[in-house]
Protein backbone atom coordinates (compact mmCIF):
# COMPACT_ATOMS: atom_id res chain seq x y z
CA UNK A 1 -14.20 -4.09 -17.04
CA UNK A 2 -14.32 -4.02 -13.23
CA UNK A 3 -13.74 -0.75 -11.42
CA UNK A 4 -10.56 -0.64 -9.34
CA UNK A 5 -9.19 1.43 -6.46
CA UNK A 6 -5.56 1.10 -5.33
CA UNK A 7 -4.83 2.38 -1.82
CA UNK A 8 -1.93 2.14 0.64
CA UNK A 9 -2.22 2.43 4.41
CA UNK A 10 0.53 4.60 5.90
CA UNK A 11 1.16 5.40 9.55
CA UNK A 12 3.75 5.18 12.26
CA UNK A 13 4.25 1.88 14.03
CA UNK A 14 1.45 0.73 16.38
CA UNK A 15 -1.18 3.09 15.01
CA UNK A 16 -3.49 0.26 13.92
CA UNK A 17 -2.90 -0.14 10.17
CA UNK A 18 -2.93 -3.93 10.12
CA UNK A 19 -5.88 -4.03 12.52
CA UNK A 20 -7.79 -1.73 10.14
CA UNK A 21 -6.98 -3.96 7.15
CA UNK A 22 -8.20 -6.95 9.14
CA UNK A 23 -11.51 -5.15 9.74
CA UNK A 24 -11.85 -4.47 6.02
CA UNK A 25 -11.24 -8.17 5.38
CA UNK A 26 -13.92 -9.12 7.92
CA UNK A 27 -16.33 -6.55 6.45
CA UNK A 28 -15.94 -8.22 3.04
CA UNK A 29 -16.68 -11.60 4.68
CA UNK A 30 -13.41 -13.08 3.44
CA UNK A 31 -12.89 -14.83 6.77
CA UNK A 32 -15.12 -15.67 9.67
CA UNK A 33 -15.13 -13.20 12.52
CA UNK A 34 -12.66 -14.52 15.10
CA UNK A 35 -13.32 -14.41 18.80
CA UNK A 36 -9.83 -13.08 19.43
CA UNK A 37 -8.70 -10.17 17.28
CA UNK A 38 -5.21 -10.21 18.80
CA UNK A 39 -3.83 -12.43 16.03
CA UNK A 40 -3.49 -10.15 13.02
CA UNK A 41 -4.13 -11.93 9.74
CA UNK A 42 -1.51 -10.12 7.64
CA UNK A 43 1.32 -10.17 10.17
CA UNK A 44 2.08 -13.79 9.34
CA UNK A 45 5.89 -13.58 9.40
CA UNK A 46 7.48 -15.15 12.49
CA UNK A 47 9.48 -12.01 13.28
CA UNK A 48 6.39 -9.83 12.76
CA UNK A 49 4.41 -11.92 15.23
CA UNK A 50 7.27 -11.88 17.70
CA UNK A 51 7.81 -8.13 17.56
CA UNK A 52 4.19 -7.14 16.95
CA UNK A 53 5.00 -4.88 13.99
CA UNK A 54 4.63 -5.04 10.21
CA UNK A 55 7.97 -5.47 8.42
CA UNK A 56 7.00 -6.55 4.88
CA UNK A 57 4.43 -4.73 2.75
CA UNK A 58 1.52 -6.99 1.79
CA UNK A 59 -1.24 -6.91 -0.81
CA UNK A 60 -4.85 -7.98 -0.36
CA UNK A 61 -8.07 -7.01 -2.09
CA UNK A 62 -11.70 -6.64 -1.06
CA UNK A 63 -14.77 -6.10 -3.21
CA UNK A 64 -17.24 -3.44 -2.07
CA UNK A 65 -20.30 -2.39 -4.09
CA UNK A 66 -18.85 -4.14 -7.13
CA UNK A 67 -15.55 -2.22 -6.95
CA UNK A 68 -12.28 -4.08 -6.37
CA UNK A 69 -10.16 -2.33 -3.73
CA UNK A 70 -6.48 -3.32 -3.76
CA UNK A 71 -5.08 -2.64 -0.28
CA UNK A 72 -1.35 -2.34 0.47
CA UNK A 73 -0.47 -2.70 4.16
CA UNK A 74 2.88 -0.97 4.74
CA UNK A 75 5.48 -1.12 7.53
CA UNK A 76 5.29 1.69 10.06
CA UNK A 77 8.79 1.71 11.50
CA UNK A 78 11.23 4.20 9.97
CA UNK A 79 13.80 1.42 9.48
CA UNK A 80 11.63 0.08 6.65
CA UNK A 81 11.02 3.40 4.87
CA UNK A 82 12.48 2.10 1.60
CA UNK A 83 9.90 -0.68 1.52
CA UNK A 84 7.12 1.89 1.85
CA UNK A 85 8.51 4.20 -0.84
CA UNK A 86 8.56 1.37 -3.38
CA UNK A 87 5.01 0.15 -2.84
CA UNK A 88 3.57 3.68 -2.89
CA UNK A 89 4.14 3.60 -6.65
CA UNK A 90 1.33 1.04 -6.91
CA UNK A 91 -1.23 3.20 -5.07
CA UNK A 92 -3.50 5.92 -6.43
CA UNK A 93 -4.37 7.19 -2.96
CA UNK A 94 -3.49 6.64 0.68
CA UNK A 95 -5.26 6.14 3.98
CA UNK A 96 -3.28 8.17 6.50
CA UNK A 97 -3.52 7.00 10.08
CA UNK A 98 -2.22 10.06 11.87
CA UNK A 99 1.46 10.51 12.72
CA UNK A 100 2.64 9.01 9.42
CA UNK A 101 6.38 9.35 8.87
CA UNK A 102 5.95 8.57 5.18
CA UNK A 103 3.33 11.28 4.63
CA UNK A 104 5.85 13.53 2.88
CA UNK A 105 6.68 10.79 0.35
CA UNK A 106 3.00 10.20 -0.39
CA UNK A 107 2.38 13.92 -0.93
CA UNK A 108 5.41 14.27 -3.19
CA UNK A 109 4.04 11.44 -5.34
CA UNK A 110 0.75 13.32 -5.64
CA UNK A 111 -1.36 10.78 -3.74
CA UNK A 112 -4.79 11.88 -2.54
CA UNK A 113 -5.07 11.19 1.21
CA UNK A 114 -7.97 10.15 3.39
CA UNK A 115 -7.12 10.88 7.03
CA UNK A 116 -8.23 8.16 9.45
CA UNK A 117 -8.14 9.23 13.10
CA UNK A 118 -7.96 5.87 14.84
CA UNK A 119 -8.31 4.82 18.49
CA UNK A 120 -10.89 7.49 19.38
CA UNK A 121 -12.24 5.02 21.93
CA UNK A 122 -9.22 5.74 24.15
CA UNK A 123 -9.75 7.97 27.19
CA UNK A 124 -8.50 11.56 26.92
CA UNK A 125 -8.40 11.38 23.10
CA UNK A 126 -8.52 14.67 21.17
CA UNK A 127 -9.66 13.88 17.60
CA UNK A 128 -10.59 17.45 16.63
CA UNK A 129 -7.19 18.80 17.67
CA UNK A 130 -5.46 15.95 15.83
CA UNK A 131 -7.35 16.79 12.63
CA UNK A 132 -6.15 20.39 12.83
CA UNK A 133 -2.58 19.25 13.51
CA UNK A 134 -2.68 16.99 10.45
CA UNK A 135 -3.83 19.95 8.33
CA UNK A 136 -0.95 22.07 9.67
CA UNK A 137 1.47 19.21 9.01
CA UNK A 138 0.33 18.88 5.41
CA UNK A 139 0.70 22.63 4.91
CA UNK A 140 4.29 22.47 6.16
CA UNK A 141 4.93 19.61 3.72
CA UNK A 142 3.74 21.76 0.77
CA UNK A 143 0.62 19.73 0.02
CA UNK A 144 -1.50 20.91 -2.92
CA UNK A 145 -4.91 22.49 -2.46
CA UNK A 146 -6.54 19.25 -3.61
CA UNK A 147 -4.55 17.23 -1.06
CA UNK A 148 -5.42 19.71 1.71
CA UNK A 149 -9.12 19.21 0.93
CA UNK A 150 -8.95 15.76 2.51
CA UNK A 151 -11.73 13.66 3.95
CA UNK A 152 -11.44 12.70 7.63
CA UNK A 153 -12.85 9.50 9.08
CA UNK A 154 -12.88 8.78 12.81
CA UNK A 155 -13.18 5.45 14.52
CA UNK A 156 -11.72 2.48 16.31
CA UNK A 157 -10.31 -0.31 14.17
CA UNK A 158 -10.06 -2.54 17.23
CA UNK A 159 -13.74 -2.11 18.05
CA UNK A 160 -14.64 -2.35 14.36
CA UNK A 161 -16.37 0.95 13.58
CA UNK A 162 -15.72 4.10 11.55
CA UNK A 163 -17.76 7.30 11.32
CA UNK A 164 -17.76 10.82 9.89
CA UNK A 165 -18.28 12.08 13.46
CA UNK A 166 -16.24 10.53 16.28
CA UNK A 167 -18.99 11.35 18.77
CA UNK A 168 -21.45 9.12 16.86
CA UNK A 169 -20.04 5.57 16.64
CA UNK A 170 -21.48 3.25 14.00
CA UNK A 171 -21.75 -0.55 13.85
CA UNK A 172 -19.13 -1.19 11.13
CA UNK A 173 -16.54 0.46 8.84
CA UNK A 174 -18.94 1.19 5.95
CA UNK A 175 -18.26 5.01 6.11
CA UNK A 176 -14.57 4.33 5.43
CA UNK A 177 -15.27 2.06 2.46
CA UNK A 178 -17.73 4.62 1.05
CA UNK A 179 -15.07 7.33 1.44
CA UNK A 180 -12.54 5.21 -0.48
CA UNK A 181 -14.91 4.85 -3.44
CA UNK A 182 -15.78 8.56 -3.39
CA UNK A 183 -12.37 10.13 -2.70
CA UNK A 184 -9.71 7.83 -4.17
CA UNK A 185 -9.45 8.18 -7.97
CA UNK A 186 -9.64 5.14 -10.20
CA UNK A 187 -6.37 4.27 -11.93
CA UNK A 188 -5.86 5.82 -15.36
CA UNK A 189 -6.55 3.50 -18.27
CA UNK A 190 -3.75 4.02 -20.81
CA UNK A 191 -3.85 2.21 -24.16
CA UNK A 192 -0.68 0.98 -25.82
CA UNK A 193 2.09 -1.51 -25.28
CA UNK A 194 2.35 -2.95 -21.74
CA UNK A 195 4.38 -1.29 -19.02
CA UNK A 196 4.71 -2.70 -15.50
CA UNK A 197 7.33 -1.55 -13.03
CA UNK A 198 8.44 -4.14 -10.49
CA UNK A 199 7.91 -2.53 -7.08
CA UNK A 200 7.87 -5.60 -4.86
CA UNK A 201 8.68 -9.29 -4.99
CA UNK A 202 7.48 -12.53 -3.48
CA UNK A 203 8.97 -16.00 -3.41
CA UNK A 204 7.40 -19.40 -3.97
CA UNK A 205 9.25 -22.69 -3.43
CA UNK A 206 7.49 -23.99 -6.55
CA UNK A 207 8.01 -21.21 -9.11
CA UNK A 208 10.78 -19.11 -7.53
CA UNK A 209 10.79 -15.31 -7.49
CA UNK A 210 7.56 -13.52 -8.39
CA UNK A 211 7.48 -9.92 -9.64
CA UNK A 212 4.73 -7.67 -8.23
CA UNK A 213 3.70 -4.28 -9.59
CA UNK A 214 0.93 -2.15 -11.06
CA UNK A 215 0.25 -2.36 -14.78
CA UNK A 216 0.33 1.31 -15.83
CA UNK A 217 -0.24 0.84 -19.56
CA UNK A 218 -1.72 -1.75 -21.92
CA UNK A 219 -2.48 -5.31 -20.82
CA UNK A 220 -0.57 -8.48 -20.06
CA UNK A 221 -1.53 -12.02 -21.05
CA UNK A 222 -0.38 -15.45 -19.95
CA UNK A 223 2.12 -16.85 -22.46
CA UNK A 224 2.96 -13.39 -23.80
CA UNK A 225 6.51 -12.59 -24.89
CA UNK A 226 7.82 -9.54 -23.01
CA UNK A 227 11.02 -7.59 -22.47
CA UNK A 228 12.61 -6.96 -19.10
CA UNK A 229 14.17 -3.50 -19.13
CA UNK A 230 16.95 -3.35 -16.56
CA UNK A 231 19.38 -0.65 -15.53
CA UNK A 232 22.12 0.53 -17.89
CA UNK A 233 19.86 -0.08 -20.93
CA UNK A 234 20.01 -3.87 -20.57
CA UNK A 235 17.01 -5.60 -22.18
CA UNK A 236 16.22 -9.30 -21.76
CA UNK A 237 13.52 -11.38 -23.44
CA UNK A 238 11.17 -13.52 -21.35
CA UNK A 239 7.84 -15.31 -21.56
CA UNK A 240 5.10 -14.89 -18.98
CA UNK A 241 4.29 -18.32 -17.56
CA UNK A 242 1.64 -17.27 -15.06
CA UNK A 243 -0.35 -14.15 -14.17
CA UNK A 244 -2.05 -13.62 -10.83
CA UNK A 245 -4.15 -10.85 -9.33
CA UNK A 246 -4.74 -10.34 -5.64
CA UNK A 247 -8.09 -11.84 -4.68
CA UNK A 248 -8.99 -11.51 -1.03
CA UNK A 249 -6.22 -12.94 1.13
CA UNK A 250 -4.68 -14.90 -1.72
CA UNK A 251 -4.08 -14.75 -5.46
CA UNK A 252 -6.14 -15.91 -8.41
CA UNK A 253 -4.72 -17.08 -11.74
CA UNK A 254 -5.94 -15.03 -14.69
CA UNK A 255 -5.32 -15.05 -18.43
CA UNK A 256 -5.33 -11.26 -18.81
CA UNK A 257 -4.52 -8.34 -16.51
CA UNK A 258 -6.14 -5.00 -17.27
CA UNK A 259 -4.42 -1.63 -17.04
CA UNK A 260 -4.46 -0.18 -13.54
CA UNK A 261 -4.59 -3.47 -11.65
CA UNK A 262 -1.87 -4.78 -9.32
CA UNK A 263 -0.64 -8.20 -10.34
CA UNK A 264 2.04 -10.85 -9.81
CA UNK A 265 4.08 -12.14 -12.78
CA UNK A 266 5.76 -15.56 -12.95
CA UNK A 267 8.35 -16.41 -15.61
CA UNK A 268 10.36 -13.21 -15.74
CA UNK A 269 13.67 -14.26 -14.20
CA UNK A 270 16.55 -12.10 -13.01
CA UNK A 271 14.47 -9.00 -12.28
CA UNK A 272 15.32 -6.37 -9.71
CA UNK A 273 13.19 -3.77 -7.95
CA UNK A 274 12.61 -0.88 -10.38
CA UNK A 275 12.91 -2.96 -13.58
CA UNK A 276 10.17 -2.59 -16.21
CA UNK A 277 8.26 -5.41 -17.90
CA UNK A 278 7.49 -4.02 -21.36
CA UNK A 279 6.59 -4.95 -24.93
CA UNK A 280 8.71 -7.59 -26.62
CA UNK A 281 9.22 -5.69 -29.89
CA UNK A 282 9.23 -2.06 -28.73
CA UNK A 283 10.29 -2.01 -25.07
CA UNK A 284 9.93 1.28 -23.20
CA UNK A 285 11.39 1.45 -19.70
CA UNK A 286 9.82 3.51 -16.94
CA UNK A 287 12.06 5.84 -14.89
CA UNK A 288 13.80 3.85 -12.14
CA UNK A 289 12.44 4.14 -8.62
CA UNK A 290 14.37 6.66 -6.56
CA UNK A 291 14.64 5.66 -2.91
CA UNK A 292 16.28 7.66 -0.14
CA UNK A 293 19.50 6.13 1.12
CA UNK A 294 19.43 4.81 4.69
CA UNK A 295 20.92 7.27 7.13
CA UNK A 296 22.25 7.17 10.67
CA UNK A 297 22.51 10.14 13.01
CA UNK A 298 24.85 10.35 16.00
CA UNK A 299 25.02 12.87 18.82
CA UNK A 300 28.41 13.55 20.45
CA UNK A 301 28.17 15.23 23.86
CA UNK A 302 30.36 15.78 26.88
CA UNK A 303 30.80 12.83 29.22
CA UNK A 304 28.36 13.40 32.08
CA UNK A 305 28.25 9.84 33.35
CA UNK A 306 28.80 9.10 37.08
CA UNK A 307 32.31 7.85 36.28
CA UNK A 308 33.58 10.74 34.13
């Protein structure tokens, strides 16, 4: 059974998350090193390329020292906070690029953070002060002692290096990958009937809607009869037509998915985010995902315009 690590990258917009994921992809030799790093591999949506931000969370995986690392690249803009909250359920740890607006959600879910201080190549940067500010921020967010004992990695994703000491640049991002294997816990292996909560979805013009989530208990097999546990105690019977795991930039068809891995399921129709794919005979639903409602704030002041 292959070792697995599930991590999510969280940060505010334009802090270099997608650039860092690209570097991890290059490090694993999944694509040839491009001459121009301006075209981000994962921001492949037309609107994302136009606006230069990540809107949809995406899954990729890299293999390092025989360990499969599932990476979830998340949106950074606060307008897409609900998207981030959902996919955090698939992660066992997070890479925090400083100034993360979703840090509080990750801490509440008990995720172990690795702090990545990016863009230390910029003039007038202050990495040591930033590290202290992150510690103070986590204290104010009631982080546990284990979460406060976080590992800090410094570097420049754009230049393609990471290091334990920002004053000593390296030649690649190996220190970050080593930190992931050492600091992020492996997913718990739980025996029993299968349980997978749908936390994201994809669409294919050939097979329709595809459910994506982390298998938290048991195993799933192609052709297996399963139950779809929906809200209000509604249970529907389905048959898994196809199972896929994330392999590099794409997906690979598999016959069996092991507990702890993130996978895509084809054949379960009519699902919604938060539904549970469970055993056919004895279905057990997981608690539904609770997501903060979108809010809007308005400030009413006196009219101080030139034409008042």
